[in-house]
Amino acid sequence: MQPSEVKALLESRLDGCEFHIQGEGCNFQVVAVGEVFEGLSPVKRQQMIYGALSEEIASGALHAVSIKTYTPQQWQAATDNQGA
């Protein structure tokens, strides 16, 4: 799979999120940003992403998926700190 394919799958299955995907083959890093994560525990956030990709993980099309999730406010703070 290509990063663009993973991004398209996530965008079609999770509304209101922005996705940044890196990787190749069956190993990907997913960064998801959305209001949908507000008030959810880190485990619940990851479960949302894994749930959206469950078919591809079960089939082996995706093998290793690293996930980071942020609310828009958290993402802004994280990206601001990278420049410091």
PDB file of N, CA and C in Angstrom:
ATOM      1  N   MET A   1       0.842  -1.190   0.000  1.00  0.00           N
ATOM      2  CA  MET A   1       0.000   0.000   0.000  1.00  0.00           C
ATOM      3  C   MET A   1       0.884   1.248   0.000  1.00  0.00           C
ATOM      4  N   GLN A   2       0.304   2.309  -0.482  1.00  0.00           N
ATOM      5  CA  GLN A   2       0.968   3.612  -0.492  1.00  0.00           C
ATOM      6  C   GLN A   2       0.355   4.502   0.588  1.00  0.00           C
ATOM      7  N   PRO A   3       1.117   5.487   1.088  1.00  0.00           N
ATOM      8  CA  PRO A   3       0.554   6.403   2.087  1.00  0.00           C
ATOM      9  C   PRO A   3      -0.752   7.049   1.627  1.00  0.00           C
ATOM     10  N   SER A   4      -0.849   7.389   0.332  1.00  0.00           N
ATOM     11  CA  SER A   4      -2.068   8.026  -0.174  1.00  0.00           C
ATOM     12  C   SER A   4      -3.268   7.083  -0.065  1.00  0.00           C
ATOM     13  N   GLU A   5      -3.042   5.772  -0.212  1.00  0.00           N
ATOM     14  CA  GLU A   5      -4.130   4.800  -0.085  1.00  0.00           C
ATOM     15  C   GLU A   5      -4.606   4.701   1.362  1.00  0.00           C
ATOM     16  N   VAL A   6      -3.661   4.699   2.292  1.00  0.00           N
ATOM     17  CA  VAL A   6      -4.013   4.645   3.712  1.00  0.00           C
ATOM     18  C   VAL A   6      -4.783   5.904   4.090  1.00  0.00           C
ATOM     19  N   LYS A   7      -4.317   7.050   3.616  1.00  0.00           N
ATOM     20  CA  LYS A   7      -4.991   8.318   3.897  1.00  0.00           C
ATOM     21  C   LYS A   7      -6.419   8.306   3.342  1.00  0.00           C
ATOM     22  N   ALA A   8      -6.586   7.829   2.124  1.00  0.00           N
ATOM     23  CA  ALA A   8      -7.921   7.779   1.515  1.00  0.00           C
ATOM     24  C   ALA A   8      -8.854   6.859   2.302  1.00  0.00           C
ATOM     25  N   LEU A   9      -8.349   5.725   2.757  1.00  0.00           N
ATOM     26  CA  LEU A   9      -9.164   4.817   3.566  1.00  0.00           C
ATOM     27  C   LEU A   9      -9.624   5.498   4.844  1.00  0.00           C
ATOM     28  N   LEU A  10      -8.693   6.135   5.544  1.00  0.00           N
ATOM     29  CA  LEU A  10      -9.043   6.798   6.804  1.00  0.00           C
ATOM     30  C   LEU A  10     -10.014   7.944   6.580  1.00  0.00           C
ATOM     31  N   GLU A  11      -9.771   8.733   5.540  1.00  0.00           N
ATOM     32  CA  GLU A  11     -10.666   9.866   5.262  1.00  0.00           C
ATOM     33  C   GLU A  11     -12.076   9.399   4.931  1.00  0.00           C
ATOM     34  N   SER A  12     -12.194   8.240   4.288  1.00  0.00           N
ATOM     35  CA  SER A  12     -13.520   7.741   3.928  1.00  0.00           C
ATOM     36  C   SER A  12     -14.249   7.115   5.117  1.00  0.00           C
ATOM     37  N   ARG A  13     -13.504   6.767   6.153  1.00  0.00           N
ATOM     38  CA  ARG A  13     -14.097   6.041   7.284  1.00  0.00           C
ATOM     39  C   ARG A  13     -14.183   6.843   8.576  1.00  0.00           C
ATOM     40  N   LEU A  14     -13.443   7.935   8.674  1.00  0.00           N
ATOM     41  CA  LEU A  14     -13.485   8.785   9.866  1.00  0.00           C
ATOM     42  C   LEU A  14     -13.699  10.229   9.436  1.00  0.00           C
ATOM     43  N   ASP A  15     -14.830  10.780   9.803  1.00  0.00           N
ATOM     44  CA  ASP A  15     -15.146  12.157   9.440  1.00  0.00           C
ATOM     45  C   ASP A  15     -14.471  13.139  10.395  1.00  0.00           C
ATOM     46  N   GLY A  16     -14.163  14.303   9.866  1.00  0.00           N
ATOM     47  CA  GLY A  16     -13.690  15.406  10.693  1.00  0.00           C
ATOM     48  C   GLY A  16     -12.260  15.281  11.165  1.00  0.00           C
ATOM     49  N   CYS A  17     -11.443  14.488  10.483  1.00  0.00           N
ATOM     50  CA  CYS A  17     -10.041  14.335  10.858  1.00  0.00           C
ATOM     51  C   CYS A  17      -9.141  14.706   9.687  1.00  0.00           C
ATOM     52  N   GLU A  18      -7.981  15.185  10.044  1.00  0.00           N
ATOM     53  CA  GLU A  18      -6.912  15.439   9.078  1.00  0.00           C
ATOM     54  C   GLU A  18      -5.854  14.368   9.337  1.00  0.00           C
ATOM     55  N   PHE A  19      -5.339  13.768   8.286  1.00  0.00           N
ATOM     56  CA  PHE A  19      -4.386  12.676   8.438  1.00  0.00           C
ATOM     57  C   PHE A  19      -3.059  12.995   7.769  1.00  0.00           C
ATOM     58  N   HIS A  20      -1.988  12.623   8.428  1.00  0.00           N
ATOM     59  CA  HIS A  20      -0.639  12.721   7.895  1.00  0.00           C
ATOM     60  C   HIS A  20      -0.065  11.306   7.960  1.00  0.00           C
ATOM     61  N   ILE A  21       0.272  10.745   6.807  1.00  0.00           N
ATOM     62  CA  ILE A  21       0.702   9.352   6.725  1.00  0.00           C
ATOM     63  C   ILE A  21       2.118   9.281   6.177  1.00  0.00           C
ATOM     64  N   GLN A  22       2.949   8.457   6.817  1.00  0.00           N
ATOM     65  CA  GLN A  22       4.285   8.169   6.311  1.00  0.00           C
ATOM     66  C   GLN A  22       4.474   6.664   6.332  1.00  0.00           C
ATOM     67  N   GLY A  23       5.339   6.175   5.474  1.00  0.00           N
ATOM     68  CA  GLY A  23       5.641   4.757   5.464  1.00  0.00           C
ATOM     69  C   GLY A  23       5.526   4.179   4.073  1.00  0.00           C
ATOM     70  N   GLU A  24       5.675   2.847   4.013  1.00  0.00           N
ATOM     71  CA  GLU A  24       5.568   2.161   2.737  1.00  0.00           C
ATOM     72  C   GLU A  24       5.321   0.688   2.985  1.00  0.00           C
ATOM     73  N   GLY A  25       4.915   0.011   1.938  1.00  0.00           N
ATOM     74  CA  GLY A  25       4.656  -1.420   2.057  1.00  0.00           C
ATOM     75  C   GLY A  25       3.487  -1.686   2.978  1.00  0.00           C
ATOM     76  N   CYS A  26       3.763  -2.284   4.125  1.00  0.00           N
ATOM     77  CA  CYS A  26       2.697  -2.568   5.089  1.00  0.00           C
ATOM     78  C   CYS A  26       2.992  -1.938   6.446  1.00  0.00           C
ATOM     79  N   ASN A  27       3.967  -1.037   6.514  1.00  0.00           N
ATOM     80  CA  ASN A  27       4.338  -0.361   7.758  1.00  0.00           C
ATOM     81  C   ASN A  27       4.122   1.140   7.625  1.00  0.00           C
ATOM     82  N   PHE A  28       3.250   1.696   8.473  1.00  0.00           N
ATOM     83  CA  PHE A  28       2.899   3.105   8.349  1.00  0.00           C
ATOM     84  C   PHE A  28       2.851   3.808   9.698  1.00  0.00           C
ATOM     85  N   GLN A  29       3.131   5.099   9.652  1.00  0.00           N
ATOM     86  CA  GLN A  29       2.950   5.980  10.792  1.00  0.00           C
ATOM     87  C   GLN A  29       1.774   6.893  10.463  1.00  0.00           C
ATOM     88  N   VAL A  30       0.787   6.893  11.338  1.00  0.00           N
ATOM     89  CA  VAL A  30      -0.419   7.685  11.138  1.00  0.00           C
ATOM     90  C   VAL A  30      -0.472   8.777  12.199  1.00  0.00           C
ATOM     91  N   VAL A  31      -0.602  10.020  11.754  1.00  0.00           N
ATOM     92  CA  VAL A  31      -0.891  11.137  12.647  1.00  0.00           C
ATOM     93  C   VAL A  31      -2.284  11.620  12.282  1.00  0.00           C
ATOM     94  N   ALA A  32      -3.180  11.598  13.266  1.00  0.00           N
ATOM     95  CA  ALA A  32      -4.568  12.019  13.044  1.00  0.00           C
ATOM     96  C   ALA A  32      -4.872  13.221  13.924  1.00  0.00           C
ATOM     97  N   VAL A  33      -5.485  14.226  13.334  1.00  0.00           N
ATOM     98  CA  VAL A  33      -5.834  15.451  14.043  1.00  0.00           C
ATOM     99  C   VAL A  33      -7.318  15.701  13.859  1.00  0.00           C
ATOM    100  N   GLY A  34      -8.055  15.848  14.958  1.00  0.00           N
ATOM    101  CA  GLY A  34      -9.481  16.126  14.831  1.00  0.00           C
ATOM    102  C   GLY A  34     -10.156  16.406  16.152  1.00  0.00           C
ATOM    103  N   GLU A  35     -11.228  17.178  16.083  1.00  0.00           N
ATOM    104  CA  GLU A  35     -12.037  17.471  17.271  1.00  0.00           C
ATOM    105  C   GLU A  35     -12.644  16.198  17.857  1.00  0.00           C
ATOM    106  N   VAL A  36     -12.789  15.175  17.025  1.00  0.00           N
ATOM    107  CA  VAL A  36     -13.390  13.916  17.439  1.00  0.00           C
ATOM    108  C   VAL A  36     -12.626  13.283  18.605  1.00  0.00           C
ATOM    109  N   PHE A  37     -11.354  13.631  18.780  1.00  0.00           N
ATOM    110  CA  PHE A  37     -10.540  13.054  19.848  1.00  0.00           C
ATOM    111  C   PHE A  37     -10.687  13.780  21.182  1.00  0.00           C
ATOM    112  N   GLU A  38     -11.375  14.905  21.176  1.00  0.00           N
ATOM    113  CA  GLU A  38     -11.556  15.701  22.395  1.00  0.00           C
ATOM    114  C   GLU A  38     -12.222  14.858  23.482  1.00  0.00           C
ATOM    115  N   GLY A  39     -11.591  14.790  24.644  1.00  0.00           N
ATOM    116  CA  GLY A  39     -12.170  14.092  25.790  1.00  0.00           C
ATOM    117  C   GLY A  39     -11.992  12.582  25.784  1.00  0.00           C
ATOM    118  N   LEU A  40     -11.349  12.031  24.750  1.00  0.00           N
ATOM    119  CA  LEU A  40     -11.143  10.587  24.695  1.00  0.00           C
ATOM    120  C   LEU A  40      -9.766  10.228  25.246  1.00  0.00           C
ATOM    121  N   SER A  41      -9.688   9.058  25.866  1.00  0.00           N
ATOM    122  CA  SER A  41      -8.407   8.570  26.361  1.00  0.00           C
ATOM    123  C   SER A  41      -7.525   8.192  25.182  1.00  0.00           C
ATOM    124  N   PRO A  42      -6.213   8.122  25.390  1.00  0.00           N
ATOM    125  CA  PRO A  42      -5.323   7.691  24.306  1.00  0.00           C
ATOM    126  C   PRO A  42      -5.710   6.327  23.741  1.00  0.00           C
ATOM    127  N   VAL A  43      -6.155   5.416  24.580  1.00  0.00           N
ATOM    128  CA  VAL A  43      -6.556   4.084  24.108  1.00  0.00           C
ATOM    129  C   VAL A  43      -7.779   4.181  23.205  1.00  0.00           C
ATOM    130  N   LYS A  44      -8.776   4.949  23.593  1.00  0.00           N
ATOM    131  CA  LYS A  44      -9.983   5.108  22.765  1.00  0.00           C
ATOM    132  C   LYS A  44      -9.642   5.762  21.427  1.00  0.00           C
ATOM    133  N   ARG A  45      -8.719   6.709  21.449  1.00  0.00           N
ATOM    134  CA  ARG A  45      -8.305   7.374  20.212  1.00  0.00           C
ATOM    135  C   ARG A  45      -7.677   6.365  19.257  1.00  0.00           C
ATOM    136  N   GLN A  46      -6.764   5.542  19.783  1.00  0.00           N
ATOM    137  CA  GLN A  46      -6.115   4.546  18.933  1.00  0.00           C
ATOM    138  C   GLN A  46      -7.106   3.506  18.437  1.00  0.00           C
ATOM    139  N   GLN A  47      -8.059   3.135  19.282  1.00  0.00           N
ATOM    140  CA  GLN A  47      -9.063   2.160  18.865  1.00  0.00           C
ATOM    141  C   GLN A  47      -9.872   2.671  17.678  1.00  0.00           C
ATOM    142  N   MET A  48     -10.123   3.971  17.629  1.00  0.00           N
ATOM    143  CA  MET A  48     -10.846   4.543  16.492  1.00  0.00           C
ATOM    144  C   MET A  48     -10.069   4.343  15.192  1.00  0.00           C
ATOM    145  N   ILE A  49      -8.761   4.586  15.244  1.00  0.00           N
ATOM    146  CA  ILE A  49      -7.931   4.450  14.048  1.00  0.00           C
ATOM    147  C   ILE A  49      -7.803   2.979  13.660  1.00  0.00           C
ATOM    148  N   TYR A  50      -7.505   2.133  14.650  1.00  0.00           N
ATOM    149  CA  TYR A  50      -7.405   0.697  14.352  1.00  0.00           C
ATOM    150  C   TYR A  50      -8.726   0.159  13.802  1.00  0.00           C
ATOM    151  N   GLY A  51      -9.838   0.617  14.349  1.00  0.00           N
ATOM    152  CA  GLY A  51     -11.146   0.175  13.869  1.00  0.00           C
ATOM    153  C   GLY A  51     -11.373   0.545  12.415  1.00  0.00           C
ATOM    154  N   ALA A  52     -10.923   1.744  12.044  1.00  0.00           N
ATOM    155  CA  ALA A  52     -11.097   2.204  10.665  1.00  0.00           C
ATOM    156  C   ALA A  52     -10.232   1.410   9.690  1.00  0.00           C
ATOM    157  N   LEU A  53      -9.166   0.804  10.195  1.00  0.00           N
ATOM    158  CA  LEU A  53      -8.248   0.047   9.336  1.00  0.00           C
ATOM    159  C   LEU A  53      -8.319  -1.457   9.591  1.00  0.00           C
ATOM    160  N   SER A  54      -9.337  -1.905  10.306  1.00  0.00           N
ATOM    161  CA  SER A  54      -9.397  -3.297  10.751  1.00  0.00           C
ATOM    162  C   SER A  54      -9.365  -4.303   9.596  1.00  0.00           C
ATOM    163  N   GLU A  55     -10.061  -3.998   8.502  1.00  0.00           N
ATOM    164  CA  GLU A  55     -10.071  -4.922   7.363  1.00  0.00           C
ATOM    165  C   GLU A  55      -8.675  -5.100   6.780  1.00  0.00           C
ATOM    166  N   GLU A  56      -7.961  -4.001   6.622  1.00  0.00           N
ATOM    167  CA  GLU A  56      -6.628  -4.048   6.032  1.00  0.00           C
ATOM    168  C   GLU A  56      -5.621  -4.714   6.979  1.00  0.00           C
ATOM    169  N   ILE A  57      -5.791  -4.501   8.279  1.00  0.00           N
ATOM    170  CA  ILE A  57      -4.918  -5.158   9.251  1.00  0.00           C
ATOM    171  C   ILE A  57      -5.201  -6.661   9.259  1.00  0.00           C
ATOM    172  N   ALA A  58      -6.469  -7.040   9.249  1.00  0.00           N
ATOM    173  CA  ALA A  58      -6.844  -8.461   9.264  1.00  0.00           C
ATOM    174  C   ALA A  58      -6.352  -9.183   8.017  1.00  0.00           C
ATOM    175  N   SER A  59      -6.378  -8.505   6.873  1.00  0.00           N
ATOM    176  CA  SER A  59      -5.958  -9.140   5.611  1.00  0.00           C
ATOM    177  C   SER A  59      -4.441  -9.188   5.458  1.00  0.00           C
ATOM    178  N   GLY A  60      -3.731  -8.416   6.285  1.00  0.00           N
ATOM    179  CA  GLY A  60      -2.283  -8.349   6.168  1.00  0.00           C
ATOM    180  C   GLY A  60      -1.793  -7.246   5.254  1.00  0.00           C
ATOM    181  N   ALA A  61      -2.715  -6.520   4.619  1.00  0.00           N
ATOM    182  CA  ALA A  61      -2.311  -5.398   3.763  1.00  0.00           C
ATOM    183  C   ALA A  61      -1.573  -4.341   4.580  1.00  0.00           C
ATOM    184  N   LEU A  62      -1.978  -4.190   5.834  1.00  0.00           N
ATOM    185  CA  LEU A  62      -1.273  -3.338   6.794  1.00  0.00           C
ATOM    186  C   LEU A  62      -0.784  -4.249   7.908  1.00  0.00           C
ATOM    187  N   HIS A  63       0.490  -4.124   8.222  1.00  0.00           N
ATOM    188  CA  HIS A  63       1.053  -4.996   9.247  1.00  0.00           C
ATOM    189  C   HIS A  63       1.382  -4.209  10.510  1.00  0.00           C
ATOM    190  N   ALA A  64       2.165  -3.168  10.368  1.00  0.00           N
ATOM    191  CA  ALA A  64       2.583  -2.358  11.503  1.00  0.00           C
ATOM    192  C   ALA A  64       2.059  -0.939  11.314  1.00  0.00           C
ATOM    193  N   VAL A  65       1.273  -0.476  12.272  1.00  0.00           N
ATOM    194  CA  VAL A  65       0.719   0.869  12.214  1.00  0.00           C
ATOM    195  C   VAL A  65       1.040   1.572  13.523  1.00  0.00           C
ATOM    196  N   SER A  66       1.784   2.653  13.421  1.00  0.00           N
ATOM    197  CA  SER A  66       2.092   3.497  14.566  1.00  0.00           C
ATOM    198  C   SER A  66       1.127   4.679  14.519  1.00  0.00           C
ATOM    199  N   ILE A  67       0.479   4.991  15.633  1.00  0.00           N
ATOM    200  CA  ILE A  67      -0.578   6.008  15.640  1.00  0.00           C
ATOM    201  C   ILE A  67      -0.289   7.085  16.677  1.00  0.00           C
ATOM    202  N   LYS A  68      -0.437   8.324  16.254  1.00  0.00           N
ATOM    203  CA  LYS A  68      -0.433   9.466  17.162  1.00  0.00           C
ATOM    204  C   LYS A  68      -1.694  10.264  16.855  1.00  0.00           C
ATOM    205  N   THR A  69      -2.413  10.644  17.895  1.00  0.00           N
ATOM    206  CA  THR A  69      -3.656  11.400  17.701  1.00  0.00           C
ATOM    207  C   THR A  69      -3.595  12.704  18.488  1.00  0.00           C
ATOM    208  N   TYR A  70      -4.212  13.722  17.915  1.00  0.00           N
ATOM    209  CA  TYR A  70      -4.210  15.048  18.514  1.00  0.00           C
ATOM    210  C   TYR A  70      -5.553  15.726  18.283  1.00  0.00           C
ATOM    211  N   THR A  71      -5.960  16.558  19.232  1.00  0.00           N
ATOM    212  CA  THR A  71      -7.026  17.511  18.939  1.00  0.00           C
ATOM    213  C   THR A  71      -6.348  18.643  18.159  1.00  0.00           C
ATOM    214  N   PRO A  72      -7.117  19.487  17.487  1.00  0.00           N
ATOM    215  CA  PRO A  72      -6.474  20.611  16.781  1.00  0.00           C
ATOM    216  C   PRO A  72      -5.610  21.476  17.706  1.00  0.00           C
ATOM    217  N   GLN A  73      -6.064  21.684  18.947  1.00  0.00           N
ATOM    218  CA  GLN A  73      -5.294  22.486  19.890  1.00  0.00           C
ATOM    219  C   GLN A  73      -3.979  21.794  20.255  1.00  0.00           C
ATOM    220  N   GLN A  74      -4.030  20.485  20.473  1.00  0.00           N
ATOM    221  CA  GLN A  74      -2.814  19.734  20.792  1.00  0.00           C
ATOM    222  C   GLN A  74      -1.848  19.737  19.608  1.00  0.00           C
ATOM    223  N   TRP A  75      -2.396  19.610  18.401  1.00  0.00           N
ATOM    224  CA  TRP A  75      -1.569  19.608  17.199  1.00  0.00           C
ATOM    225  C   TRP A  75      -0.874  20.953  17.038  1.00  0.00           C
ATOM    226  N   GLN A  76      -1.612  22.027  17.268  1.00  0.00           N
ATOM    227  CA  GLN A  76      -1.034  23.377  17.160  1.00  0.00           C
ATOM    228  C   GLN A  76       0.121  23.521  18.155  1.00  0.00           C
ATOM    229  N   ALA A  77      -0.097  23.075  19.379  1.00  0.00           N
ATOM    230  CA  ALA A  77       0.955  23.173  20.396  1.00  0.00           C
ATOM    231  C   ALA A  77       2.153  22.309  20.014  1.00  0.00           C
ATOM    232  N   ALA A  78       1.916  21.122  19.497  1.00  0.00           N
ATOM    233  CA  ALA A  78       2.998  20.210  19.125  1.00  0.00           C
ATOM    234  C   ALA A  78       3.807  20.769  17.954  1.00  0.00           C
ATOM    235  N   THR A  79       3.137  21.337  16.979  1.00  0.00           N
ATOM    236  CA  THR A  79       3.848  21.864  15.815  1.00  0.00           C
ATOM    237  C   THR A  79       4.547  23.180  16.161  1.00  0.00           C
ATOM    238  N   ASP A  80       3.971  23.960  17.084  1.00  0.00           N
ATOM    239  CA  ASP A  80       4.643  25.180  17.530  1.00  0.00           C
ATOM    240  C   ASP A  80       5.933  24.841  18.264  1.00  0.00           C
ATOM    241  N   ASN A  81       5.919  23.792  19.061  1.00  0.00           N
ATOM    242  CA  ASN A  81       7.088  23.393  19.838  1.00  0.00           C
ATOM    243  C   ASN A  81       8.201  22.808  18.975  1.00  0.00           C
ATOM    244  N   GLN A  82       7.846  22.268  17.806  1.00  0.00           N
ATOM    245  CA  GLN A  82       8.866  21.712  16.918  1.00  0.00           C
ATOM    246  C   GLN A  82       9.767  22.802  16.345  1.00  0.00           C
ATOM    247  N   GLY A  83       9.204  23.978  16.179  1.00  0.00           N
ATOM    248  CA  GLY A  83       9.989  25.085  15.631  1.00  0.00           C
ATOM    249  C   GLY A  83      10.857  25.784  16.643  1.00  0.00           C
ATOM    250  N   ALA A  84      10.637  25.488  17.920  1.00  0.00           N
ATOM    251  CA  ALA A  84      11.381  26.178  18.985  1.00  0.00           C
ATOM    252  C   ALA A  84      12.752  25.577  19.203  1.00  0.00           C
TER     253      ALA A  84
END
